[in-house]
Amino acid sequence: MEAERQAARNLFNAKLSAGNGTPPNRNKLWLALGALAVGLLGIGIYFWFQLQGLSQNPMIARPAPTPVQPQPLPPAPMATPIAMAPTPVAAIEAPPSPPVPEMPTPLTRERPVPQERQPALPPEEPSPIRLSRGKPATNPLLERAYGALQREDFAAAVQDYDKVLQADPRNTDALLGMASIAGREGQTAKAEALYLKALEADPKNPVALAGLVSLLGNGDPAAAESRLKNLLATQPEAGHAHFALGNVYARQGRWSEAQQAYFKSLASDGDNPDYLFNLAVSLDHLRQIKPAQQYYQAALGAAAGRSAMFDKEGARRRLQELAAP
């Protein structure tokens, strides 16, 4: 009986131990699940606080920086306009002044070179008109006088012209030669009287007409222009008249028209140094530098063998100025 009780007690204790004992593997599983739950709970709490903070203090987005607009560069300063070269003048630093038609002019033979710049208009008094290139008749005195005039030996020329006029007071060649010399020496009244005498002997003589009109044209350029145009209407090949008309235009600064008139004058006497020179000056005023240089050189070349009214040194200086870089 006692043995049965003991056996029952042992069985009861064994069951009790079996009911209260926990297998080791199951304990580890529960520990892992518990740790995971705690971690998830912590993460959830963290995010909950973060969301709460965002809802209460939303982040202010920084405004995007305003793109800097590139400032336009200031325009480059305009180049200072090159000052127009002063009106060319003979014998000074600008283009020499064209001599007035081959008519008497109150210019002295050797005119002092001006030291200051002056407009390149022809002189106030007309320059002497050049005699026609053809040699006057076959009179030995006229031929000798003409040669002296070309050499600018005016005293010898006057002496021979006087001898011719003593024998023939109406000799137009001698009268025109004397008028040309009077004009070059500044004796305007004498030159005018000689041209009138030449017109009495030959009313249509183009040299005398052009010379006289140029003398009178200083006071009334419009009248001189009209008379010269009338003369050219009847004698379109009169080089002296074209030259005189060019000088009328030049005095008024009408350089384009002057250039055309000077160019036409060369048709009758292409080697006339004064015609070439005045054409060069008109081209110089029109800023046609290359042609101006060519005609300055041609004028100087022609003046080496013929008498010329223009200032040769002034022409050479102007050529150097135009050739300078």
Protein backbone atom coordinates (compact mmCIF):
# COMPACT_ATOMS: atom_id res chain seq x y z
CA MET A 1 0.00 0.00 0.00
CA GLU A 2 2.76 2.33 0.95
CA ALA A 3 4.56 1.34 -2.20
CA GLU A 4 1.61 2.27 -4.34
CA ARG A 5 1.41 5.66 -2.71
CA GLN A 6 5.04 6.28 -3.38
CA ALA A 7 4.65 5.28 -6.99
CA ALA A 8 1.68 7.58 -7.41
CA ARG A 9 3.59 10.44 -5.83
CA ASN A 10 6.50 9.92 -8.19
CA LEU A 11 4.19 9.88 -11.17
CA PHE A 12 2.55 13.09 -10.03
CA ASN A 13 5.90 14.82 -9.59
CA ALA A 14 7.02 13.66 -12.98
CA LYS A 15 3.93 15.17 -14.63
CA LEU A 16 4.37 18.33 -12.66
CA SER A 17 7.94 18.64 -13.87
CA ALA A 18 6.84 17.95 -17.39
CA GLY A 19 4.12 20.64 -17.21
CA ASN A 20 6.36 23.34 -15.70
CA GLY A 21 9.55 22.77 -17.82
CA THR A 22 10.27 24.82 -21.04
CA PRO A 23 12.31 23.40 -23.87
CA PRO A 24 15.45 25.43 -24.49
CA ASN A 25 14.69 26.04 -28.22
CA ARG A 26 11.31 27.48 -27.54
CA ASN A 27 12.79 29.90 -25.01
CA LYS A 28 15.24 31.27 -27.65
CA LEU A 29 12.44 31.80 -30.15
CA TRP A 30 10.44 33.81 -27.68
CA LEU A 31 13.45 35.88 -26.81
CA ALA A 32 14.10 36.68 -30.49
CA LEU A 33 10.47 37.57 -31.11
CA GLY A 34 10.48 39.80 -28.06
CA ALA A 35 13.61 41.63 -29.20
CA LEU A 36 12.14 42.11 -32.69
CA ALA A 37 8.93 43.47 -31.23
CA VAL A 38 10.86 45.90 -29.05
CA GLY A 39 12.94 47.03 -32.05
CA LEU A 40 9.89 47.54 -34.23
CA LEU A 41 8.20 49.42 -31.45
CA GLY A 42 11.25 51.69 -31.09
CA ILE A 43 11.41 52.34 -34.81
CA GLY A 44 7.71 53.10 -34.88
CA ILE A 45 8.06 55.52 -31.98
CA TYR A 46 11.01 57.22 -33.75
CA PHE A 47 9.12 57.74 -36.97
CA TRP A 48 6.06 58.88 -35.08
CA PHE A 49 8.10 61.62 -33.40
CA GLN A 50 9.68 62.58 -36.73
CA LEU A 51 6.29 62.91 -38.39
CA GLN A 52 5.02 64.93 -35.51
CA GLY A 53 7.98 67.31 -35.82
CA LEU A 54 7.43 67.72 -39.56
CA SER A 55 3.77 68.48 -39.11
CA GLN A 56 4.51 71.11 -36.49
CA ASN A 57 7.68 72.67 -38.10
CA PRO A 58 7.52 72.11 -41.82
CA MET A 59 10.80 72.78 -43.56
CA ILE A 60 10.82 75.96 -45.58
CA ALA A 61 12.17 75.27 -48.99
CA ARG A 62 14.99 77.52 -49.85
CA PRO A 63 14.12 79.73 -52.75
CA ALA A 64 16.12 78.84 -55.77
CA PRO A 65 18.80 81.40 -56.25
CA THR A 66 17.81 83.92 -58.86
CA PRO A 67 19.99 83.31 -61.84
CA VAL A 68 22.30 86.20 -62.34
CA GLN A 69 21.52 87.82 -65.63
CA PRO A 70 24.74 88.58 -67.43
CA GLN A 71 25.12 92.32 -67.69
CA PRO A 72 25.50 93.37 -71.31
CA LEU A 73 28.93 94.73 -72.05
CA PRO A 74 28.93 98.43 -72.77
CA PRO A 75 29.38 99.09 -76.44
CA ALA A 76 32.89 99.82 -77.43
CA PRO A 77 33.35 103.55 -77.64
CA MET A 78 33.02 104.75 -81.15
CA ALA A 79 36.27 105.65 -82.69
CA THR A 80 36.72 109.36 -82.71
CA PRO A 81 36.04 110.42 -86.24
CA ILE A 82 39.21 111.23 -87.95
CA ALA A 83 39.28 114.93 -88.45
CA MET A 84 39.05 115.81 -92.06
CA ALA A 85 42.40 116.85 -93.40
CA PRO A 86 42.48 120.60 -93.76
CA THR A 87 41.74 121.87 -97.18
CA PRO A 88 44.82 121.13 -99.26
CA VAL A 89 46.94 124.16 -100.01
CA ALA A 90 49.92 124.46 -102.24
CA ALA A 91 53.29 124.82 -100.57
CA ILE A 92 52.04 123.77 -97.18
CA GLU A 93 51.04 120.56 -95.49
CA ALA A 94 47.84 120.10 -97.45
CA PRO A 95 47.27 119.69 -101.18
CA PRO A 96 48.53 122.72 -103.02
CA SER A 97 46.10 125.26 -104.30
CA PRO A 98 45.39 124.92 -108.01
CA PRO A 99 46.64 127.81 -110.09
CA VAL A 100 43.89 129.69 -111.80
CA PRO A 101 43.47 129.43 -115.59
CA GLU A 102 46.22 130.36 -117.86
CA MET A 103 45.28 133.95 -117.54
CA PRO A 104 46.95 136.88 -115.97
CA THR A 105 47.09 136.70 -112.26
CA PRO A 106 48.28 139.15 -109.69
CA LEU A 107 50.51 136.46 -108.25
CA THR A 108 54.14 137.37 -107.96
CA ARG A 109 56.57 135.17 -109.74
CA GLU A 110 58.07 133.65 -106.63
CA ARG A 111 55.41 133.76 -104.03
CA PRO A 112 56.58 133.20 -100.44
CA VAL A 113 55.33 129.95 -98.98
CA PRO A 114 52.61 130.61 -96.40
CA GLN A 115 53.42 129.34 -92.95
CA GLU A 116 49.87 128.70 -91.87
CA ARG A 117 47.18 126.51 -93.31
CA GLN A 118 44.89 128.18 -95.80
CA PRO A 119 41.96 126.93 -97.81
CA ALA A 120 42.99 125.40 -101.07
CA LEU A 121 40.93 127.79 -103.13
CA PRO A 122 42.54 129.39 -106.11
CA PRO A 123 44.07 132.78 -105.42
CA GLU A 124 41.76 135.72 -105.23
CA GLU A 125 43.31 137.06 -108.40
CA PRO A 126 43.31 134.80 -111.43
CA SER A 127 46.54 133.16 -112.42
CA PRO A 128 47.79 133.87 -115.90
CA ILE A 129 46.32 131.75 -118.63
CA ARG A 130 48.91 129.62 -120.33
CA LEU A 131 49.43 130.21 -123.99
CA SER A 132 48.42 127.48 -126.35
CA ARG A 133 50.98 124.77 -126.68
CA GLY A 134 51.46 125.30 -130.37
CA LYS A 135 54.32 127.63 -131.15
CA PRO A 136 53.15 131.07 -132.31
CA ALA A 137 53.48 131.36 -136.06
CA THR A 138 56.93 131.24 -137.58
CA ASN A 139 58.09 134.67 -136.49
CA PRO A 140 61.54 134.17 -134.95
CA LEU A 141 60.85 136.87 -132.36
CA LEU A 142 57.61 135.17 -131.32
CA GLU A 143 59.35 131.81 -131.11
CA ARG A 144 62.12 133.26 -128.99
CA ALA A 145 59.65 135.12 -126.77
CA TYR A 146 57.59 131.99 -126.34
CA GLY A 147 60.66 130.02 -125.32
CA ALA A 148 61.62 132.70 -122.79
CA LEU A 149 58.09 132.61 -121.39
CA GLN A 150 58.32 128.85 -120.93
CA ARG A 151 61.60 129.32 -119.07
CA GLU A 152 59.99 132.06 -116.98
CA ASP A 153 62.52 134.55 -118.29
CA PHE A 154 59.87 137.24 -118.37
CA ALA A 155 62.23 140.15 -119.09
CA ALA A 156 63.53 138.55 -122.27
CA ALA A 157 60.01 137.53 -123.31
CA VAL A 158 58.64 141.07 -122.83
CA GLN A 159 61.49 142.52 -124.86
CA ASP A 160 60.76 140.27 -127.84
CA TYR A 161 56.97 140.63 -127.56
CA ASP A 162 57.39 144.42 -127.55
CA LYS A 163 59.36 144.23 -130.78
CA VAL A 164 56.61 142.17 -132.39
CA LEU A 165 53.90 144.60 -131.26
CA GLN A 166 55.84 147.57 -132.58
CA ALA A 167 55.65 145.98 -136.01
CA ASP A 168 52.12 144.56 -135.60
CA PRO A 169 50.07 146.11 -132.72
CA ARG A 170 47.21 143.61 -133.31
CA ASN A 171 49.34 140.47 -133.15
CA THR A 172 47.27 138.20 -130.88
CA ASP A 173 50.17 135.91 -129.96
CA ALA A 174 52.22 138.81 -128.67
CA LEU A 175 49.22 140.37 -126.90
CA LEU A 176 48.37 137.11 -125.17
CA GLY A 177 51.99 136.57 -124.18
CA MET A 178 52.18 140.04 -122.67
CA ALA A 179 48.84 139.52 -120.89
CA SER A 180 50.07 136.27 -119.41
CA ILE A 181 53.23 137.92 -118.07
CA ALA A 182 51.27 140.87 -116.68
CA GLY A 183 48.97 138.51 -114.85
CA ARG A 184 51.84 136.58 -113.33
CA GLU A 185 53.40 139.79 -112.09
CA GLY A 186 50.15 140.91 -110.48
CA GLN A 187 49.33 143.65 -112.99
CA THR A 188 45.64 142.80 -113.31
CA ALA A 189 44.54 146.02 -115.02
CA LYS A 190 47.28 145.75 -117.62
CA ALA A 191 46.45 142.10 -118.26
CA GLU A 192 42.76 142.94 -118.73
CA ALA A 193 43.61 145.68 -121.25
CA LEU A 194 45.84 143.32 -123.21
CA TYR A 195 43.13 140.64 -123.33
CA LEU A 196 40.66 143.24 -124.63
CA LYS A 197 43.10 144.24 -127.37
CA ALA A 198 43.51 140.58 -128.31
CA LEU A 199 39.70 140.23 -128.55
CA GLU A 200 39.54 143.30 -130.79
CA ALA A 201 41.90 141.54 -133.15
CA ASP A 202 40.22 138.11 -132.78
CA PRO A 203 36.76 138.34 -131.09
CA LYS A 204 36.44 134.56 -130.71
CA ASN A 205 39.91 133.85 -129.43
CA PRO A 206 39.30 131.28 -126.62
CA VAL A 207 42.49 132.12 -124.72
CA ALA A 208 41.66 135.81 -124.56
CA LEU A 209 38.01 135.13 -123.67
CA ALA A 210 38.89 132.68 -120.90
CA GLY A 211 41.54 135.01 -119.51
CA LEU A 212 39.25 138.01 -119.47
CA VAL A 213 36.33 136.09 -117.94
CA SER A 214 38.59 134.70 -115.24
CA LEU A 215 39.83 138.18 -114.40
CA LEU A 216 36.27 139.45 -114.07
CA GLY A 217 35.01 136.29 -112.38
CA ASN A 218 36.48 137.05 -108.96
CA GLY A 219 33.77 139.59 -108.25
CA ASP A 220 30.88 137.72 -109.86
CA PRO A 221 31.52 133.96 -110.14
CA ALA A 222 27.99 133.31 -111.40
CA ALA A 223 28.49 135.70 -114.32
CA ALA A 224 31.92 134.22 -115.06
CA GLU A 225 30.47 130.71 -115.04
CA SER A 226 27.70 131.74 -117.43
CA ARG A 227 30.11 133.44 -119.85
CA LEU A 228 32.49 130.51 -119.87
CA LYS A 229 29.67 128.05 -120.51
CA ASN A 230 28.47 130.19 -123.40
CA LEU A 231 32.00 130.19 -124.78
CA LEU A 232 32.25 126.41 -124.44
CA ALA A 233 28.90 125.98 -126.16
CA THR A 234 30.46 127.38 -129.33
CA GLN A 235 34.01 126.10 -128.73
CA PRO A 236 33.68 122.87 -126.70
CA GLU A 237 37.35 121.98 -127.23
CA ALA A 238 38.72 125.23 -125.80
CA GLY A 239 40.97 123.87 -123.07
CA HIS A 240 41.64 127.31 -121.59
CA ALA A 241 37.91 127.86 -121.12
CA HIS A 242 37.49 124.50 -119.36
CA PHE A 243 40.45 125.33 -117.14
CA ALA A 244 39.04 128.76 -116.30
CA LEU A 245 35.64 127.22 -115.54
CA GLY A 246 37.32 124.70 -113.24
CA ASN A 247 38.90 127.55 -111.30
CA VAL A 248 35.53 129.29 -110.98
CA TYR A 249 34.15 126.09 -109.46
CA ALA A 250 37.20 125.65 -107.22
CA ARG A 251 36.79 129.12 -105.72
CA GLN A 252 33.31 128.07 -104.63
CA GLY A 253 34.41 124.69 -103.25
CA ARG A 254 32.58 122.81 -106.00
CA TRP A 255 35.33 120.27 -106.33
CA SER A 256 33.45 117.57 -108.20
CA GLU A 257 32.53 120.00 -110.98
CA ALA A 258 36.02 121.50 -110.91
CA GLN A 259 37.53 118.04 -111.35
CA GLN A 260 35.40 117.42 -114.44
CA ALA A 261 36.34 120.79 -115.95
CA TYR A 262 40.05 120.25 -115.30
CA PHE A 263 39.86 116.79 -116.83
CA LYS A 264 38.26 118.22 -119.99
CA SER A 265 40.98 120.85 -120.23
CA LEU A 266 43.57 118.08 -120.58
CA ALA A 267 41.92 116.93 -123.80
CA SER A 268 43.40 119.97 -125.55
CA ASP A 269 46.79 119.95 -123.81
CA GLY A 270 47.51 116.74 -121.93
CA ASP A 271 51.03 117.81 -120.89
CA ASN A 272 50.08 121.18 -119.44
CA PRO A 273 51.56 121.11 -115.90
CA ASP A 274 49.00 123.53 -114.46
CA TYR A 275 46.10 121.54 -115.90
CA LEU A 276 47.56 118.36 -114.40
CA PHE A 277 48.24 120.03 -111.07
CA ASN A 278 44.76 121.52 -110.69
CA LEU A 279 43.21 118.17 -111.54
CA ALA A 280 45.36 116.57 -108.81
CA VAL A 281 44.21 119.16 -106.27
CA SER A 282 40.55 118.61 -107.11
CA LEU A 283 40.98 114.84 -106.73
CA ASP A 284 42.80 115.43 -103.44
CA HIS A 285 39.82 117.42 -102.15
CA LEU A 286 37.53 114.60 -103.23
CA ARG A 287 39.69 112.15 -101.21
CA GLN A 288 40.61 110.18 -104.32
CA ILE A 289 44.14 109.71 -103.07
CA LYS A 290 45.62 107.33 -105.64
CA PRO A 291 44.55 109.34 -108.71
CA ALA A 292 45.62 112.55 -106.95
CA GLN A 293 49.11 111.13 -106.39
CA GLN A 294 49.36 110.13 -110.05
CA TYR A 295 48.41 113.60 -111.29
CA TYR A 296 50.70 115.37 -108.80
CA GLN A 297 53.56 113.27 -110.16
CA ALA A 298 52.49 113.94 -113.74
CA ALA A 299 52.33 117.68 -113.06
CA LEU A 300 55.83 117.70 -111.59
CA GLY A 301 57.11 115.70 -114.53
CA ALA A 302 55.51 118.07 -117.04
CA ALA A 303 56.81 121.11 -115.14
CA ALA A 304 60.37 119.89 -115.65
CA GLY A 305 60.15 120.86 -119.31
CA ARG A 306 57.55 123.64 -119.32
CA SER A 307 56.79 126.76 -117.37
CA ALA A 308 54.28 126.17 -114.57
CA MET A 309 52.46 128.43 -112.16
CA PHE A 310 52.00 126.00 -109.26
CA ASP A 311 54.34 125.64 -106.29
CA LYS A 312 56.50 122.64 -107.11
CA GLU A 313 57.90 122.25 -103.60
CA GLY A 314 54.38 122.33 -102.18
CA ALA A 315 53.35 119.62 -104.63
CA ARG A 316 56.31 117.44 -103.61
CA ARG A 317 55.51 117.84 -99.91
CA ARG A 318 51.89 116.93 -100.53
CA LEU A 319 52.99 113.82 -102.39
CA GLN A 320 55.09 112.78 -99.39
CA GLU A 321 52.14 113.35 -97.05
CA LEU A 322 49.85 111.23 -99.20
CA ALA A 323 52.44 108.45 -99.37
CA ALA A 324 52.95 108.40 -95.59
CA PRO A 325 51.27 105.43 -93.83
